[in-house]
Amino acid sequence: MLRKPLLSLLLSASVLSAACSREEQKPAVLIIDREEADFGELEVGRSSPEQLFTVRNASPSAVESVSVKVEGSGFTITANTCERFLDAGRECEVRVQFSPRLAGPSEARLEVEGAPDVDSAVLKGMGVGYVEVRSLPGGGARVGADGEGWSCDEPCRMPVRKAQVTLRAAPAGIPTWGGACAVVAGGGCSLVMDGTKVVSLEALESLLRWEARRGSHPRSVAVSAGGDIVVLEVGQLQRLSSTGQLRWSVPLSGGVEMALDGASNAYVVDYFGRVTRYDTHGQVLWTSSESVENPNWPELAVSASGNVYVLLSLGNHELARQLELIAISPQAAKRWSLRFNEGQFNYASGLAVNDQGEVYLSGSVFNRNETSGESVFVKSYLRKYSAEGATLWETQDGWDLFAVNAEGATSTLLPNTSQSAGGFTQRWIGANGVTQWTATIPNGPGVVTLQTFAPSGTLLVGGHEPLAVGTEFGRGWFAAMNLTTRALGPVTYVEGSTGTGGPVRISDLSLTPAGHVVVTGGFGAVTDQGEGYIRVYDGRVLTGEP
């Protein structure tokens, strides 16, 4: 009679015993005595003092085999007693050393293994490399490190806290480096900071090959096939050698724009639209008879063969305004003309010609509201005409900034006027009038105000920095447009007359046969106000290659 109750009691005791056994057999826990250790700064190639870590078995059961390791670089276990059986509640010790192989921050983890529940600690340290600049050429030359906040104008030993650093020479120029340098684009000296690096700045050649100061802002510049530089200034036309020596100068009045043909003859248009042709010695060959009654600012374009195109503004801003495009032969005969009267007010934005004598014209049309008197936009356009004046194609976009290459492709630029940092949208139109691609540069060196193709096909772009107040000029700038990557190349800044800051205006850009950049403009935000300049920069500024 008692067997069943007794059996039930024995079974219950067995279950309780098993439950208690399971509670006693908790997973083993290994704990490191701290979560993080910072070894501080240490010179690359040296070893820090050891730091001690204690590992404790924080469970009631023993761990049969404990091990520790470092995951990451720069840290080494130098002593270790955690390689054996570790009884419940007992401890073992690990010593770790920091030995950076590269400058810059290092981070790793000390990890313990051997139990179901384990711990780790973060190891941190900063490797510091040193740059020893042994020599500089003097004359105000300095060496500084990108992002490191230091520069020196005499031999120095300076810290670097990055695995790789680029040294730059100042002022801007073409440096010659010696020592451990790997020369990179822009003339920088690149160093991998795996120890102390010894370098020298052996020479610093100026980017500016020569400069000529002028009493006013030059208006146009062009370079002959032989490398001479022809400059239109207020009151004179000058021809200079490639090194800036004056070849000849002729006085003139009212010249507003100048261009060269393929034989390096110069053509100057005055305020009234009359065009004068000068030979390579500055002698007048002819002056056209076409002109307007009211002086204005006509546009001029000349083909390689000497065909001349001049765009005149007729009328006035109050009543009505038309445009007239006149084609003139190399012998000064009028070939044809086109009158533009597509609204009450017709305005020109630009004129260009390709090597085939085909003409590109940009303009816009407005009417006036009879009630309010305000201008009402009608349309804008970019058109291409044959050498005989026939319309070849037209787009309904107006582009103040456009340039045409020798093959007839058009680069148009639309500045981003809403951003103080500059930027623009470029549109590439093929010779057939079809848009081939559009690219946007969201941020640029500043406001873009001009672009021009060199005979070599290089597209030069220029402008100025805006200052905080918005309308003021800062430094001028120029660069070459990379038409493959559709991005600006290295930017060169044109400093003010005192060598720093602005305002600086760039009026024109050109390229010599040797690849040097001719820049004209003035030290002031307004045309003809303030001193002007002609500058020639080494062509390496466009590529950044040493």
Protein backbone atom coordinates (compact mmCIF):
# COMPACT_ATOMS: atom_id res chain seq x y z
CA MET A 1 0.00 0.00 0.00
CA LEU A 2 2.91 2.41 0.61
CA ARG A 3 4.87 1.71 -2.63
CA LYS A 4 3.18 4.28 -4.84
CA PRO A 5 3.54 7.25 -2.43
CA LEU A 6 7.11 6.25 -1.71
CA LEU A 7 7.91 6.00 -5.40
CA SER A 8 6.40 9.44 -6.04
CA LEU A 9 8.49 10.92 -3.25
CA LEU A 10 11.67 9.45 -4.61
CA LEU A 11 10.93 10.74 -8.13
CA SER A 12 10.22 14.26 -6.83
CA ALA A 13 13.49 14.28 -4.92
CA SER A 14 15.33 13.22 -8.09
CA VAL A 15 13.82 16.06 -10.13
CA LEU A 16 14.67 18.64 -7.44
CA SER A 17 18.22 17.33 -7.27
CA ALA A 18 18.61 17.65 -11.04
CA ALA A 19 17.28 21.24 -10.98
CA CYS A 20 19.71 22.22 -8.25
CA SER A 21 22.53 20.63 -10.25
CA ARG A 22 21.62 22.70 -13.28
CA GLU A 23 21.70 25.90 -11.19
CA GLU A 24 25.14 25.07 -9.88
CA GLN A 25 26.55 24.48 -13.39
CA LYS A 26 26.32 28.12 -14.60
CA PRO A 27 28.43 29.11 -17.68
CA ALA A 28 31.94 30.19 -16.77
CA VAL A 29 32.68 33.96 -17.01
CA LEU A 30 36.09 35.55 -17.78
CA ILE A 31 36.39 39.28 -17.06
CA ILE A 32 39.17 41.78 -17.92
CA ASP A 33 39.71 44.36 -15.20
CA ARG A 34 39.11 47.39 -17.48
CA GLU A 35 37.22 48.21 -20.66
CA GLU A 36 39.79 50.49 -22.30
CA ALA A 37 43.46 51.48 -22.14
CA ASP A 38 45.00 54.53 -23.85
CA PHE A 39 48.77 54.27 -24.38
CA GLY A 40 49.01 57.94 -25.44
CA GLU A 41 51.37 59.36 -28.07
CA LEU A 42 54.53 57.54 -29.07
CA GLU A 43 57.12 58.07 -31.77
CA VAL A 44 56.91 55.60 -34.62
CA GLY A 45 59.48 52.82 -34.17
CA ARG A 46 59.57 53.04 -30.38
CA SER A 47 57.83 50.83 -27.79
CA SER A 48 55.76 52.05 -24.87
CA PRO A 49 55.99 50.89 -21.25
CA GLU A 50 53.92 47.77 -20.63
CA GLN A 51 50.39 48.03 -19.30
CA LEU A 52 49.04 45.28 -17.02
CA PHE A 53 45.63 43.64 -17.50
CA THR A 54 44.10 41.20 -15.05
CA VAL A 55 41.74 38.46 -16.17
CA ARG A 56 39.45 36.95 -13.47
CA ASN A 57 37.34 33.83 -13.57
CA ALA A 58 34.14 35.31 -12.13
CA SER A 59 32.20 32.05 -11.96
CA PRO A 60 31.88 29.20 -9.44
CA SER A 61 33.43 26.70 -11.82
CA ALA A 62 36.94 26.32 -13.20
CA VAL A 63 37.98 27.09 -16.79
CA GLU A 64 40.05 24.35 -18.29
CA SER A 65 42.05 26.49 -20.75
CA VAL A 66 42.30 30.31 -20.83
CA SER A 67 43.93 32.22 -23.69
CA VAL A 68 44.25 35.88 -24.73
CA LYS A 69 45.04 37.56 -28.04
CA VAL A 70 45.22 41.00 -29.69
CA GLU A 71 42.95 41.71 -32.66
CA GLY A 72 44.46 44.63 -34.60
CA SER A 73 47.87 46.13 -35.26
CA GLY A 74 50.32 48.18 -33.24
CA PHE A 75 49.92 46.31 -29.94
CA THR A 76 51.82 43.25 -28.69
CA ILE A 77 51.41 40.88 -25.73
CA THR A 78 54.79 40.83 -23.98
CA ALA A 79 53.97 38.65 -20.94
CA ASN A 80 51.08 36.28 -20.27
CA THR A 81 50.10 33.95 -17.42
CA CYS A 82 46.66 33.31 -18.93
CA GLU A 83 47.66 30.14 -20.79
CA ARG A 84 46.45 27.46 -18.43
CA PHE A 85 43.73 26.17 -16.17
CA LEU A 86 42.04 28.94 -14.15
CA ASP A 87 40.08 27.92 -11.08
CA ALA A 88 36.91 29.65 -9.94
CA GLY A 89 37.57 33.13 -8.53
CA ARG A 90 41.27 33.07 -9.56
CA GLU A 91 43.13 35.61 -11.71
CA CYS A 92 45.84 35.66 -14.35
CA GLU A 93 47.85 38.56 -15.86
CA VAL A 94 48.63 39.93 -19.34
CA ARG A 95 51.11 42.67 -20.20
CA VAL A 96 50.65 44.67 -23.45
CA GLN A 97 52.99 47.07 -25.24
CA PHE A 98 52.27 49.72 -27.92
CA SER A 99 54.76 49.77 -30.86
CA PRO A 100 53.35 51.92 -33.72
CA ARG A 101 54.60 51.11 -37.20
CA LEU A 102 52.82 54.11 -38.82
CA ALA A 103 51.93 57.57 -37.61
CA GLY A 104 48.30 58.17 -36.79
CA PRO A 105 45.73 56.66 -34.46
CA SER A 106 45.88 52.92 -33.70
CA GLU A 107 43.10 50.86 -32.16
CA ALA A 108 42.93 47.15 -31.35
CA ARG A 109 41.16 44.79 -28.93
CA LEU A 110 42.56 42.56 -26.21
CA GLU A 111 40.31 39.49 -26.24
CA VAL A 112 40.11 36.60 -23.76
CA GLU A 113 38.91 33.12 -24.77
CA GLY A 114 38.17 29.80 -23.12
CA ALA A 115 34.74 30.29 -21.56
CA PRO A 116 31.17 30.70 -22.86
CA ASP A 117 31.01 34.27 -21.57
CA VAL A 118 34.20 36.27 -22.26
CA ASP A 119 35.36 39.89 -22.20
CA SER A 120 37.50 42.28 -24.26
CA ALA A 121 39.26 45.63 -23.77
CA VAL A 122 39.87 48.44 -26.29
CA LEU A 123 43.52 49.39 -26.85
CA LYS A 124 44.28 52.89 -28.17
CA GLY A 125 47.42 54.80 -29.05
CA MET A 126 48.69 57.59 -31.32
CA GLY A 127 51.76 57.08 -33.46
CA VAL A 128 53.78 60.22 -34.14
CA GLY A 129 56.21 60.50 -37.04
CA TYR A 130 58.62 63.34 -37.61
CA VAL A 131 59.54 65.31 -40.71
CA GLU A 132 62.99 66.81 -40.76
CA VAL A 133 63.30 69.65 -43.25
CA ARG A 134 67.03 69.91 -43.71
CA SER A 135 67.24 72.89 -46.09
CA LEU A 136 65.19 75.57 -47.89
CA PRO A 137 66.19 77.93 -50.70
CA GLY A 138 65.42 81.10 -48.71
CA GLY A 139 63.72 84.14 -50.16
CA GLY A 140 60.62 83.63 -48.06
CA ALA A 141 60.09 79.98 -49.03
CA ARG A 142 58.19 77.85 -46.51
CA VAL A 143 57.27 74.20 -46.10
CA GLY A 144 54.02 73.12 -44.50
CA ALA A 145 52.09 69.87 -44.08
CA ASP A 146 48.50 69.46 -45.26
CA GLY A 147 46.17 69.22 -42.28
CA GLU A 148 48.92 69.36 -39.65
CA GLY A 149 48.82 73.05 -38.83
CA TRP A 150 52.53 73.81 -39.07
CA SER A 151 55.00 75.36 -41.48
CA CYS A 152 58.65 76.36 -41.24
CA ASP A 153 60.83 78.80 -43.15
CA GLU A 154 64.11 77.37 -41.85
CA PRO A 155 65.39 73.84 -41.07
CA CYS A 156 63.03 72.18 -38.60
CA ARG A 157 61.81 68.90 -37.14
CA MET A 158 58.01 68.73 -36.94
CA PRO A 159 55.52 66.06 -35.80
CA VAL A 160 52.99 64.34 -38.07
CA ARG A 161 50.02 62.36 -36.79
CA LYS A 162 48.85 60.77 -40.03
CA ALA A 163 50.00 57.64 -41.83
CA GLN A 164 50.56 59.64 -45.01
CA VAL A 165 51.12 63.36 -45.39
CA THR A 166 51.74 65.78 -48.24
CA LEU A 167 54.14 68.69 -47.83
CA ARG A 168 53.52 71.89 -49.77
CA ALA A 169 55.85 74.71 -50.63
CA ALA A 170 54.80 78.33 -50.25
CA PRO A 171 54.38 80.76 -51.81
CA ALA A 172 52.74 78.94 -54.73
CA GLY A 173 55.35 77.87 -57.24
CA ILE A 174 57.07 74.93 -58.87
CA PRO A 175 59.12 73.19 -56.18
CA THR A 176 62.13 70.90 -56.51
CA TRP A 177 62.17 68.41 -53.63
CA GLY A 178 64.98 66.28 -52.31
CA GLY A 179 65.18 63.44 -49.82
CA ALA A 180 62.35 60.99 -49.10
CA CYS A 181 59.76 62.79 -51.24
CA ALA A 182 57.44 61.15 -53.73
CA VAL A 183 56.33 64.09 -55.90
CA VAL A 184 52.58 64.22 -56.54
CA ALA A 185 50.22 66.34 -58.65
CA GLY A 186 50.32 69.97 -57.66
CA GLY A 187 54.01 69.79 -56.80
CA GLY A 188 53.51 68.30 -53.36
CA CYS A 189 55.92 65.99 -51.52
CA SER A 190 54.13 62.83 -50.36
CA LEU A 191 55.52 60.87 -47.38
CA VAL A 192 54.51 57.56 -45.80
CA MET A 193 55.11 58.16 -42.11
CA ASP A 194 56.68 54.85 -41.05
CA GLY A 195 59.57 56.63 -39.36
CA THR A 196 61.42 59.95 -39.39
CA LYS A 197 61.52 61.37 -42.91
CA VAL A 198 64.28 63.70 -44.07
CA VAL A 199 63.44 66.09 -46.92
CA SER A 200 64.72 69.30 -48.44
CA LEU A 201 63.18 72.02 -50.58
CA GLU A 202 65.99 72.57 -53.03
CA ALA A 203 64.36 75.22 -55.24
CA LEU A 204 61.04 77.03 -55.66
CA GLU A 205 60.44 78.41 -59.13
CA SER A 206 57.77 81.09 -59.41
CA LEU A 207 54.59 80.23 -61.31
CA LEU A 208 54.59 83.79 -62.63
CA ARG A 209 57.09 84.03 -65.48
CA TRP A 210 56.69 87.77 -65.93
CA GLU A 211 54.31 90.67 -65.34
CA ALA A 212 53.78 94.08 -66.92
CA ARG A 213 51.75 96.71 -65.05
CA ARG A 214 49.41 98.94 -67.05
CA GLY A 215 47.67 102.22 -66.38
CA SER A 216 44.25 100.67 -67.08
CA HIS A 217 42.68 97.26 -67.60
CA PRO A 218 43.63 95.65 -70.94
CA ARG A 219 40.50 94.75 -72.92
CA SER A 220 41.60 91.87 -75.14
CA VAL A 221 44.62 89.62 -75.53
CA ALA A 222 45.58 87.14 -78.25
CA VAL A 223 48.70 85.14 -79.03
CA SER A 224 50.19 84.82 -82.51
CA ALA A 225 51.30 81.52 -84.01
CA GLY A 226 54.90 82.57 -83.32
CA GLY A 227 54.23 83.28 -79.65
CA ASP A 228 53.98 87.07 -79.70
CA ILE A 229 51.33 88.58 -77.41
CA VAL A 230 48.99 91.20 -78.86
CA VAL A 231 47.15 93.35 -76.33
CA LEU A 232 44.38 95.88 -76.83
CA GLU A 233 44.47 98.59 -74.17
CA VAL A 234 42.73 101.90 -73.73
CA GLY A 235 44.33 104.17 -76.34
CA GLN A 236 46.79 101.69 -77.87
CA LEU A 237 47.41 98.34 -79.51
CA GLN A 238 50.67 96.63 -78.53
CA ARG A 239 52.61 93.61 -79.66
CA LEU A 240 54.98 92.01 -77.13
CA SER A 241 57.44 89.17 -77.41
CA SER A 242 56.80 85.97 -75.44
CA THR A 243 59.14 87.35 -72.75
CA GLY A 244 57.36 90.70 -72.51
CA GLN A 245 59.62 92.85 -74.70
CA LEU A 246 57.75 95.55 -76.65
CA ARG A 247 57.87 94.99 -80.43
CA TRP A 248 55.60 97.86 -81.41
CA SER A 249 52.77 100.04 -80.18
CA VAL A 250 50.22 102.04 -82.18
CA PRO A 251 47.84 104.67 -80.77
CA LEU A 252 44.12 104.32 -81.38
CA SER A 253 40.88 105.70 -80.04
CA GLY A 254 37.72 103.88 -79.13
CA GLY A 255 39.01 100.31 -79.50
CA VAL A 256 36.78 97.92 -77.55
CA GLU A 257 37.70 94.44 -78.80
CA MET A 258 40.53 92.77 -80.73
CA ALA A 259 41.11 89.43 -82.49
CA LEU A 260 43.79 87.80 -84.66
CA ASP A 261 43.44 85.81 -87.86
CA GLY A 262 45.50 82.76 -88.79
CA ALA A 263 48.30 84.95 -90.20
CA SER A 264 48.50 86.95 -86.93
CA ASN A 265 47.01 90.13 -88.40
CA ALA A 266 45.13 92.08 -85.74
CA TYR A 267 41.57 93.41 -86.05
CA VAL A 268 40.19 96.08 -83.72
CA VAL A 269 36.56 97.23 -83.56
CA ASP A 270 35.72 100.65 -82.12
CA TYR A 271 32.60 101.94 -80.34
CA PHE A 272 30.90 102.77 -83.65
CA GLY A 273 31.45 99.31 -85.13
CA ARG A 274 34.27 100.25 -87.50
CA VAL A 275 36.88 97.51 -87.88
CA THR A 276 40.58 98.28 -88.56
CA ARG A 277 43.01 95.62 -89.76
CA TYR A 278 46.70 95.83 -88.73
CA ASP A 279 49.49 93.75 -90.17
CA THR A 280 52.11 91.98 -88.04
CA HIS A 281 54.20 95.20 -87.96
CA GLY A 282 51.36 97.40 -86.72
CA GLN A 283 50.63 99.04 -90.09
CA VAL A 284 47.00 99.82 -90.90
CA LEU A 285 45.83 97.78 -93.90
CA TRP A 286 42.21 98.99 -94.02
CA THR A 287 39.27 100.29 -92.00
CA SER A 288 35.71 99.17 -92.74
CA SER A 289 33.05 101.73 -93.65
CA GLU A 290 30.11 100.22 -91.74
CA SER A 291 29.27 102.05 -88.51
CA VAL A 292 26.41 103.13 -86.25
CA GLU A 293 25.35 106.60 -85.18
CA ASN A 294 25.25 105.94 -81.47
CA PRO A 295 28.41 104.57 -79.86
CA ASN A 296 27.96 101.20 -78.24
CA TRP A 297 29.95 98.06 -77.41
CA PRO A 298 29.96 95.86 -80.55
CA GLU A 299 31.02 92.20 -80.69
CA LEU A 300 33.86 91.04 -82.95
CA ALA A 301 34.91 87.62 -84.31
CA VAL A 302 37.54 86.80 -86.94
CA SER A 303 38.09 83.48 -88.74
CA ALA A 304 41.50 81.97 -89.43
CA SER A 305 41.19 83.02 -93.10
CA GLY A 306 40.53 86.65 -92.18
CA ASN A 307 36.76 86.83 -92.61
CA VAL A 308 35.44 89.37 -90.12
CA TYR A 309 32.09 89.38 -88.32
CA VAL A 310 30.90 92.34 -86.30
CA LEU A 311 27.65 92.53 -84.35
CA LEU A 312 26.21 96.02 -83.99
CA SER A 313 23.49 97.35 -81.69
CA LEU A 314 21.07 99.75 -83.38
CA GLY A 315 18.62 102.09 -81.64
CA ASN A 316 18.56 102.73 -77.91
CA HIS A 317 17.34 101.44 -74.56
CA GLU A 318 14.34 103.77 -74.43
CA LEU A 319 12.41 103.17 -77.65
CA ALA A 320 13.65 100.08 -79.48
CA ARG A 321 16.82 98.18 -80.12
CA GLN A 322 17.84 95.88 -82.97
CA LEU A 323 20.97 93.93 -83.83
CA GLU A 324 22.85 93.72 -87.11
CA LEU A 325 25.44 91.06 -87.95
CA ILE A 326 27.81 92.14 -90.73
CA ALA A 327 30.25 89.86 -92.57
CA ILE A 328 33.35 91.56 -94.00
CA SER A 329 35.86 89.95 -96.36
CA PRO A 330 39.63 89.94 -95.74
CA GLN A 331 39.76 92.79 -98.26
CA ALA A 332 37.25 94.96 -96.29
CA ALA A 333 34.28 94.34 -98.62
CA LYS A 334 30.86 93.81 -97.07
CA ARG A 335 29.80 90.24 -97.88
CA TRP A 336 26.37 90.08 -96.25
CA SER A 337 24.40 91.24 -93.25
CA LEU A 338 21.51 90.07 -91.08
CA ARG A 339 19.09 92.27 -89.14
CA PHE A 340 17.57 90.99 -85.86
CA ASN A 341 14.27 92.63 -84.94
CA GLU A 342 12.44 89.86 -83.12
CA GLY A 343 10.93 92.04 -80.41
CA GLN A 344 11.08 95.56 -79.08
CA PHE A 345 14.52 95.14 -77.51
CA ASN A 346 17.12 92.78 -78.98
CA TYR A 347 20.31 92.22 -77.01
CA ALA A 348 23.53 90.39 -77.91
CA SER A 349 25.29 88.09 -75.44
CA GLY A 350 28.20 86.79 -77.51
CA LEU A 351 29.72 86.20 -80.93
CA ALA A 352 32.18 83.51 -82.06
CA VAL A 353 33.51 81.85 -85.21
CA ASN A 354 35.11 78.46 -85.92
CA ASP A 355 37.94 77.60 -88.29
CA GLN A 356 35.48 77.08 -91.15
CA GLY A 357 34.14 80.61 -90.83
CA GLU A 358 30.79 79.52 -89.39
CA VAL A 359 29.30 82.04 -86.98
CA TYR A 360 27.77 81.52 -83.52
CA LEU A 361 25.53 84.16 -82.01
CA SER A 362 23.85 84.33 -78.60
CA GLY A 363 21.16 86.83 -77.75
CA SER A 364 17.90 87.59 -76.00
CA VAL A 365 14.66 89.44 -76.77
CA PHE A 366 12.43 91.57 -74.52
CA ASN A 367 9.28 93.65 -74.91
CA ARG A 368 8.09 96.47 -72.69
CA ASN A 369 4.79 96.30 -70.83
CA GLU A 370 2.85 99.36 -71.94
CA THR A 371 1.10 99.71 -68.59
CA SER A 372 3.90 99.13 -66.08
CA GLY A 373 6.83 99.99 -68.30
CA GLU A 374 8.66 96.87 -67.12
CA SER A 375 10.65 94.61 -69.44
CA VAL A 376 8.96 91.34 -70.39
CA PHE A 377 11.17 88.43 -71.39
CA VAL A 378 10.35 86.96 -74.81
CA LYS A 379 13.12 84.45 -75.55
CA SER A 380 16.80 83.74 -75.62
CA TYR A 381 18.78 81.77 -78.18
CA LEU A 382 22.08 80.39 -79.41
CA ARG A 383 22.34 80.16 -83.21
CA LYS A 384 24.81 78.91 -85.74
CA TYR A 385 25.12 80.42 -89.22
CA SER A 386 27.05 79.25 -92.24
CA ALA A 387 29.91 81.34 -93.57
CA GLU A 388 27.37 82.79 -96.01
CA GLY A 389 24.79 83.71 -93.37
CA ALA A 390 22.34 80.79 -93.62
CA THR A 391 20.86 79.52 -90.35
CA LEU A 392 22.21 76.04 -89.57
CA TRP A 393 20.64 75.44 -86.14
CA GLU A 394 19.23 77.18 -83.10
CA THR A 395 18.64 76.38 -79.42
CA GLN A 396 16.14 78.21 -77.25
CA ASP A 397 18.63 78.69 -74.45
CA GLY A 398 20.58 81.90 -74.03
CA TRP A 399 24.18 81.59 -72.93
CA ASP A 400 26.22 84.63 -72.00
CA LEU A 401 29.29 82.41 -71.58
CA PHE A 402 29.99 80.25 -74.60
CA ALA A 403 33.10 79.33 -76.54
CA VAL A 404 33.59 77.49 -79.83
CA ASN A 405 36.51 75.20 -80.62
CA ALA A 406 38.19 74.75 -84.00
CA GLU A 407 35.87 71.87 -84.98
CA GLY A 408 32.73 73.84 -84.19
CA ALA A 409 31.72 72.26 -80.85
CA THR A 410 30.33 74.71 -78.32
CA SER A 411 30.97 74.83 -74.57
CA THR A 412 28.34 76.79 -72.68
CA LEU A 413 28.59 77.73 -69.02
CA LEU A 414 25.73 78.76 -66.77
CA PRO A 415 27.08 80.21 -63.51
CA ASN A 416 25.36 79.24 -60.28
CA THR A 417 24.57 82.69 -58.96
CA SER A 418 22.74 81.38 -55.89
CA GLN A 419 25.88 80.00 -54.25
CA SER A 420 28.62 82.17 -52.85
CA ALA A 421 31.02 79.26 -53.39
CA GLY A 422 30.53 79.48 -57.14
CA GLY A 423 29.92 76.45 -59.30
CA PHE A 424 28.35 76.21 -62.74
CA THR A 425 26.65 73.94 -65.24
CA GLN A 426 28.48 73.13 -68.46
CA ARG A 427 26.71 72.00 -71.59
CA TRP A 428 28.58 70.56 -74.58
CA ILE A 429 26.89 71.05 -77.95
CA GLY A 430 28.26 69.27 -81.02
CA ALA A 431 28.91 71.04 -84.32
CA ASN A 432 25.48 69.77 -85.48
CA GLY A 433 23.68 71.55 -82.64
CA VAL A 434 22.91 68.41 -80.64
CA THR A 435 23.71 68.48 -76.92
CA GLN A 436 26.23 65.71 -76.22
CA TRP A 437 26.50 66.04 -72.44
CA THR A 438 25.76 68.24 -69.47
CA ALA A 439 27.80 68.36 -66.27
CA THR A 440 27.39 70.35 -63.06
CA ILE A 441 30.20 71.56 -60.82
CA PRO A 442 28.32 72.32 -57.58
CA ASN A 443 31.16 74.21 -55.91
CA GLY A 444 33.91 76.16 -57.56
CA PRO A 445 36.68 78.60 -56.73
CA GLY A 446 34.29 81.50 -57.23
CA VAL A 447 32.20 83.27 -59.83
CA VAL A 448 32.93 82.19 -63.42
CA THR A 449 32.98 85.13 -65.86
CA LEU A 450 34.73 83.93 -69.03
CA GLN A 451 35.84 80.92 -71.02
CA THR A 452 37.91 80.62 -74.18
CA PHE A 453 39.43 77.88 -76.34
CA ALA A 454 43.14 77.98 -77.12
CA PRO A 455 44.23 76.86 -80.62
CA SER A 456 45.48 73.64 -79.01
CA GLY A 457 41.92 72.84 -77.90
CA THR A 458 42.50 73.64 -74.22
CA LEU A 459 39.44 75.27 -72.64
CA LEU A 460 40.42 78.03 -70.22
CA VAL A 461 37.94 79.24 -67.60
CA GLY A 462 38.33 82.25 -65.33
CA GLY A 463 36.55 84.45 -62.83
CA HIS A 464 36.90 85.94 -59.37
CA GLU A 465 36.19 85.13 -55.75
CA PRO A 466 33.14 86.76 -54.21
CA LEU A 467 33.64 88.31 -50.80
CA ALA A 468 31.25 88.01 -47.88
CA VAL A 469 29.22 91.04 -48.92
CA GLY A 470 28.33 89.27 -52.16
CA THR A 471 29.05 91.80 -54.90
CA GLU A 472 32.64 92.63 -54.02
CA PHE A 473 35.57 91.01 -55.84
CA GLY A 474 38.19 88.90 -54.14
CA ARG A 475 41.11 87.31 -55.97
CA GLY A 476 40.91 86.45 -59.63
CA TRP A 477 41.29 82.79 -60.64
CA PHE A 478 41.72 80.64 -63.73
CA ALA A 479 41.98 76.95 -64.59
CA ALA A 480 41.76 74.56 -67.52
CA MET A 481 38.61 72.49 -67.96
CA ASN A 482 39.26 68.75 -68.23
CA LEU A 483 36.83 67.79 -70.98
CA THR A 484 37.30 64.07 -70.28
CA THR A 485 36.49 64.13 -66.57
CA ARG A 486 34.32 67.27 -66.97
CA ALA A 487 35.98 68.85 -63.96
CA LEU A 488 38.16 71.89 -63.36
CA GLY A 489 41.88 71.27 -63.19
CA PRO A 490 44.17 72.92 -60.61
CA VAL A 491 43.10 76.49 -59.89
CA THR A 492 45.56 79.38 -59.93
CA TYR A 493 44.63 82.52 -58.00
CA VAL A 494 45.64 85.97 -59.22
CA GLU A 495 46.56 88.15 -56.25
CA GLY A 496 46.10 91.88 -55.86
CA SER A 497 48.64 94.58 -56.61
CA THR A 498 50.14 94.24 -53.14
CA GLY A 499 50.55 90.48 -53.49
CA THR A 500 47.58 89.43 -51.37
CA GLY A 501 43.81 89.37 -51.70
CA GLY A 502 41.69 91.36 -54.10
CA PRO A 503 39.91 92.92 -55.79
CA VAL A 504 41.27 91.42 -59.00
CA ARG A 505 39.41 91.33 -62.29
CA ILE A 506 40.37 89.00 -65.17
CA SER A 507 39.41 90.43 -68.56
CA ASP A 508 40.88 87.81 -70.91
CA LEU A 509 42.87 84.58 -71.11
CA SER A 510 45.04 83.03 -73.81
CA LEU A 511 47.60 80.29 -74.25
CA THR A 512 51.03 80.56 -75.89
CA PRO A 513 52.38 77.88 -78.28
CA ALA A 514 54.67 76.80 -75.41
CA GLY A 515 51.61 76.24 -73.24
CA HIS A 516 52.04 79.23 -70.92
CA VAL A 517 48.95 81.12 -69.78
CA VAL A 518 48.52 84.81 -70.62
CA VAL A 519 46.20 86.62 -68.22
CA THR A 520 45.04 90.22 -68.48
CA GLY A 521 42.88 92.27 -66.17
CA GLY A 522 43.04 94.88 -63.46
CA PHE A 523 43.24 95.50 -59.73
CA GLY A 524 39.67 96.67 -59.34
CA ALA A 525 36.16 95.36 -59.76
CA VAL A 526 35.14 97.80 -62.52
CA THR A 527 36.58 97.99 -66.03
CA ASP A 528 39.04 100.87 -66.53
CA GLN A 529 39.10 101.74 -62.83
CA GLY A 530 42.46 101.09 -61.25
CA GLU A 531 45.78 99.74 -62.43
CA GLY A 532 45.90 96.89 -64.95
CA TYR A 533 48.26 94.02 -65.62
CA ILE A 534 49.53 91.53 -68.19
CA ARG A 535 50.81 88.32 -66.61
CA VAL A 536 52.27 85.15 -68.08
CA TYR A 537 52.12 82.00 -65.92
CA ASP A 538 54.06 78.81 -66.42
CA GLY A 539 51.89 76.26 -68.21
CA ARG A 540 52.39 73.72 -65.45
CA VAL A 541 49.82 75.60 -63.38
CA LEU A 542 47.11 74.05 -65.56
CA THR A 543 48.07 70.45 -64.83
CA GLY A 544 49.71 70.62 -61.42
CA GLU A 545 52.50 68.42 -62.77
CA PRO A 546 56.01 69.36 -61.61
